[in-house]
């Protein structure tokens, strides 16, 4: 099996943390950086070297899907009213 080469990640990206407002803890949180040529880079604060890259079009579709509740079935049974059940 041939591994797909990783895209070059620009060193000057500005990472935006997706954390609750005024959150002081270390996370882990998801961080997002918008690159050139419509690239969107994602990483987790606990593993910042592991970066996933997608397109702005796919990222926007994902965010709209989350807002529309299209992924709620992935958390059913795990959360009730925002409180984790484990």
N, C-alpha and C. Protein backbone atom coordinates (compact mmCIF):
# COMPACT_ATOMS: atom_id res chain seq x y z
N UNK A 1 0.84 -1.17 0.00
CA UNK A 1 0.00 0.00 0.00
C UNK A 1 0.89 1.24 0.00
N UNK A 2 0.59 2.16 -0.87
CA UNK A 2 1.37 3.39 -0.97
C UNK A 2 0.76 4.47 -0.11
N UNK A 3 1.59 5.11 0.70
CA UNK A 3 1.11 6.17 1.57
C UNK A 3 1.07 7.49 0.80
N UNK A 4 -0.02 8.23 0.96
CA UNK A 4 -0.15 9.53 0.32
C UNK A 4 0.75 10.53 1.03
N UNK A 5 1.54 11.28 0.28
CA UNK A 5 2.42 12.26 0.94
C UNK A 5 1.60 13.34 1.64
N UNK A 6 2.08 13.76 2.80
CA UNK A 6 1.40 14.81 3.56
C UNK A 6 1.64 16.16 2.90
N UNK A 7 0.60 17.01 2.91
CA UNK A 7 0.82 18.34 2.36
C UNK A 7 1.77 19.13 3.25
N UNK A 8 2.50 20.04 2.65
CA UNK A 8 3.41 20.89 3.40
C UNK A 8 2.59 21.83 4.28
N UNK A 9 2.87 21.86 5.57
CA UNK A 9 2.16 22.71 6.50
C UNK A 9 2.95 24.00 6.69
N UNK A 10 2.35 25.14 6.36
CA UNK A 10 3.07 26.41 6.53
C UNK A 10 3.42 26.65 8.00
N UNK A 11 4.61 27.20 8.23
CA UNK A 11 5.06 27.46 9.60
C UNK A 11 4.41 28.70 10.20
N UNK A 12 3.85 29.56 9.38
CA UNK A 12 3.31 30.83 9.89
C UNK A 12 1.80 30.82 10.09
N UNK A 13 1.20 29.67 10.25
CA UNK A 13 -0.25 29.60 10.46
C UNK A 13 -0.63 30.24 11.80
N UNK A 14 -1.80 30.84 11.81
CA UNK A 14 -2.35 31.39 13.05
C UNK A 14 -3.44 30.43 13.51
N UNK A 15 -3.20 29.78 14.65
CA UNK A 15 -4.12 28.76 15.16
C UNK A 15 -5.16 29.40 16.07
N UNK A 16 -6.42 29.04 15.84
CA UNK A 16 -7.55 29.52 16.64
C UNK A 16 -8.12 28.35 17.42
N UNK A 17 -8.14 28.48 18.74
CA UNK A 17 -8.60 27.41 19.61
C UNK A 17 -10.12 27.40 19.70
N UNK A 18 -10.72 26.24 19.48
CA UNK A 18 -12.16 26.08 19.62
C UNK A 18 -12.45 25.59 21.03
N UNK A 19 -12.49 26.53 21.97
CA UNK A 19 -12.72 26.22 23.38
C UNK A 19 -13.84 27.12 23.89
N UNK A 20 -14.51 26.69 24.95
CA UNK A 20 -15.54 27.56 25.52
C UNK A 20 -14.96 28.91 25.91
N UNK A 21 -15.77 29.94 25.78
CA UNK A 21 -15.32 31.29 26.11
C UNK A 21 -14.82 31.35 27.55
N UNK A 22 -13.71 32.01 27.76
CA UNK A 22 -13.08 32.20 29.07
C UNK A 22 -12.52 30.91 29.67
N UNK A 23 -12.39 29.85 28.89
CA UNK A 23 -11.84 28.60 29.40
C UNK A 23 -10.35 28.76 29.64
N UNK A 24 -9.90 28.40 30.83
CA UNK A 24 -8.50 28.57 31.20
C UNK A 24 -7.70 27.28 31.13
N UNK A 25 -8.36 26.14 31.12
CA UNK A 25 -7.66 24.86 31.17
C UNK A 25 -6.92 24.52 29.89
N UNK A 26 -6.08 23.50 29.97
CA UNK A 26 -5.25 23.13 28.83
C UNK A 26 -5.99 22.33 27.75
N UNK A 27 -7.20 21.94 28.01
CA UNK A 27 -7.94 21.16 27.01
C UNK A 27 -7.85 19.67 27.28
N UNK A 28 -7.76 18.87 26.27
CA UNK A 28 -7.38 19.16 24.90
C UNK A 28 -8.49 19.85 24.12
N UNK A 29 -8.09 20.75 23.24
CA UNK A 29 -9.01 21.47 22.36
C UNK A 29 -8.61 21.25 20.92
N UNK A 30 -9.56 21.49 20.05
CA UNK A 30 -9.28 21.49 18.62
C UNK A 30 -8.84 22.89 18.24
N UNK A 31 -7.83 22.98 17.39
CA UNK A 31 -7.36 24.26 16.88
C UNK A 31 -7.49 24.25 15.36
N UNK A 32 -7.85 25.41 14.81
CA UNK A 32 -8.11 25.55 13.39
C UNK A 32 -7.24 26.68 12.85
N UNK A 33 -6.65 26.47 11.68
CA UNK A 33 -5.87 27.51 11.01
C UNK A 33 -6.26 27.52 9.54
N UNK A 34 -6.47 28.71 9.02
CA UNK A 34 -6.80 28.86 7.60
C UNK A 34 -5.54 29.18 6.84
N UNK A 35 -5.24 28.35 5.85
CA UNK A 35 -4.03 28.54 5.06
C UNK A 35 -4.33 29.13 3.70
N UNK A 36 -3.34 29.10 2.86
CA UNK A 36 -3.48 29.60 1.49
C UNK A 36 -4.24 28.59 0.64
N UNK A 37 -4.73 29.05 -0.48
CA UNK A 37 -5.40 28.18 -1.45
C UNK A 37 -6.58 27.42 -0.84
N UNK A 38 -7.31 28.08 0.03
CA UNK A 38 -8.53 27.50 0.62
C UNK A 38 -8.27 26.31 1.55
N UNK A 39 -7.06 26.15 2.02
CA UNK A 39 -6.73 25.05 2.93
C UNK A 39 -7.18 25.38 4.35
N UNK A 40 -7.71 24.37 5.04
CA UNK A 40 -8.08 24.48 6.45
C UNK A 40 -7.32 23.38 7.18
N UNK A 41 -6.58 23.76 8.22
CA UNK A 41 -5.76 22.82 8.98
C UNK A 41 -6.37 22.65 10.37
N UNK A 42 -6.41 21.41 10.84
CA UNK A 42 -6.97 21.10 12.15
C UNK A 42 -5.95 20.29 12.95
N UNK A 43 -5.91 20.56 14.25
CA UNK A 43 -5.05 19.78 15.14
C UNK A 43 -5.65 19.79 16.53
N UNK A 44 -5.18 18.88 17.36
CA UNK A 44 -5.59 18.83 18.75
C UNK A 44 -4.44 19.34 19.61
N UNK A 45 -4.74 20.11 20.64
CA UNK A 45 -3.68 20.70 21.45
C UNK A 45 -2.79 19.65 22.10
N UNK A 46 -3.33 18.47 22.36
CA UNK A 46 -2.53 17.43 23.00
C UNK A 46 -1.60 16.71 22.02
N UNK A 47 -1.77 16.94 20.72
CA UNK A 47 -0.94 16.32 19.69
C UNK A 47 -0.75 17.29 18.53
N UNK A 48 -0.08 18.43 18.75
CA UNK A 48 -0.03 19.49 17.75
C UNK A 48 0.73 19.15 16.47
N UNK A 49 1.51 18.09 16.47
CA UNK A 49 2.25 17.71 15.26
C UNK A 49 1.37 16.91 14.30
N UNK A 50 0.26 16.39 14.78
CA UNK A 50 -0.67 15.61 13.95
C UNK A 50 -1.72 16.56 13.39
N UNK A 51 -1.52 16.99 12.16
CA UNK A 51 -2.37 18.01 11.53
C UNK A 51 -3.14 17.39 10.38
N UNK A 52 -4.43 17.64 10.36
CA UNK A 52 -5.30 17.20 9.28
C UNK A 52 -5.61 18.41 8.42
N UNK A 53 -5.53 18.26 7.11
CA UNK A 53 -5.81 19.36 6.20
C UNK A 53 -6.99 19.00 5.31
N UNK A 54 -7.90 19.95 5.14
CA UNK A 54 -9.05 19.77 4.27
C UNK A 54 -9.24 21.07 3.48
N UNK A 55 -10.31 21.15 2.75
CA UNK A 55 -10.59 22.35 1.97
C UNK A 55 -11.60 23.21 2.72
N UNK A 56 -11.63 24.49 2.38
CA UNK A 56 -12.59 25.40 3.00
C UNK A 56 -14.02 24.96 2.69
N UNK A 57 -14.27 24.49 1.47
CA UNK A 57 -15.60 24.03 1.08
C UNK A 57 -16.05 22.85 1.94
N UNK A 58 -15.17 21.87 2.16
CA UNK A 58 -15.52 20.72 2.99
C UNK A 58 -15.69 21.12 4.45
N UNK A 59 -14.82 22.03 4.95
CA UNK A 59 -14.92 22.49 6.33
C UNK A 59 -16.24 23.22 6.56
N UNK A 60 -16.61 24.11 5.63
CA UNK A 60 -17.87 24.84 5.76
C UNK A 60 -19.06 23.89 5.75
N UNK A 61 -19.03 22.87 4.89
CA UNK A 61 -20.11 21.89 4.84
C UNK A 61 -20.20 21.12 6.16
N UNK A 62 -19.06 20.77 6.73
CA UNK A 62 -19.05 20.08 8.03
C UNK A 62 -19.65 20.95 9.13
N UNK A 63 -19.22 22.20 9.20
CA UNK A 63 -19.72 23.11 10.24
C UNK A 63 -21.23 23.30 10.10
N UNK A 64 -21.70 23.49 8.87
CA UNK A 64 -23.14 23.62 8.66
C UNK A 64 -23.89 22.35 9.05
N UNK A 65 -23.29 21.20 8.79
CA UNK A 65 -23.89 19.93 9.19
C UNK A 65 -23.97 19.79 10.70
N UNK A 66 -22.96 20.22 11.41
CA UNK A 66 -22.99 20.20 12.88
C UNK A 66 -24.10 21.11 13.38
N UNK A 67 -24.17 22.32 12.82
CA UNK A 67 -25.20 23.26 13.24
C UNK A 67 -26.61 22.72 12.97
N UNK A 68 -26.77 21.94 11.91
CA UNK A 68 -28.07 21.40 11.54
C UNK A 68 -28.40 20.12 12.30
N UNK A 69 -27.47 19.62 13.11
CA UNK A 69 -27.73 18.42 13.90
C UNK A 69 -27.49 17.13 13.16
N UNK A 70 -26.82 17.17 12.01
CA UNK A 70 -26.61 15.98 11.21
C UNK A 70 -25.71 14.94 11.86
N UNK A 71 -24.97 15.32 12.90
CA UNK A 71 -24.04 14.40 13.55
C UNK A 71 -24.46 14.06 14.98
N UNK A 72 -25.65 14.48 15.37
CA UNK A 72 -26.11 14.24 16.74
C UNK A 72 -26.13 12.76 17.10
N UNK A 73 -26.38 11.90 16.14
CA UNK A 73 -26.46 10.46 16.42
C UNK A 73 -25.12 9.89 16.89
N UNK A 74 -24.04 10.60 16.65
CA UNK A 74 -22.75 10.11 17.13
C UNK A 74 -22.58 10.28 18.63
N UNK A 75 -23.37 11.13 19.26
CA UNK A 75 -23.25 11.36 20.70
C UNK A 75 -24.47 10.92 21.48
N UNK A 76 -25.50 10.42 20.82
CA UNK A 76 -26.68 9.95 21.54
C UNK A 76 -26.29 8.89 22.54
N UNK A 77 -26.86 8.97 23.72
CA UNK A 77 -26.56 8.02 24.77
C UNK A 77 -25.33 8.39 25.58
N UNK A 78 -24.55 9.31 25.08
CA UNK A 78 -23.34 9.73 25.79
C UNK A 78 -23.54 11.04 26.52
N UNK A 79 -24.46 11.87 26.02
CA UNK A 79 -24.69 13.18 26.63
C UNK A 79 -26.19 13.42 26.76
N UNK A 80 -26.55 13.97 27.88
CA UNK A 80 -27.94 14.38 28.11
C UNK A 80 -27.89 15.81 28.61
N UNK A 81 -28.54 16.71 27.90
CA UNK A 81 -28.55 18.14 28.29
C UNK A 81 -27.13 18.67 28.49
N UNK A 82 -26.19 18.22 27.67
CA UNK A 82 -24.83 18.74 27.74
C UNK A 82 -23.98 18.14 28.85
N UNK A 83 -24.51 17.19 29.59
CA UNK A 83 -23.76 16.56 30.69
C UNK A 83 -23.37 15.16 30.25
N UNK A 84 -22.10 14.86 30.32
CA UNK A 84 -21.60 13.55 29.88
C UNK A 84 -22.08 12.43 30.79
N UNK A 85 -22.42 11.28 30.16
CA UNK A 85 -22.80 10.09 30.91
C UNK A 85 -21.66 9.08 30.96
N UNK A 86 -20.57 9.37 30.27
CA UNK A 86 -19.45 8.45 30.30
C UNK A 86 -19.30 7.65 29.13
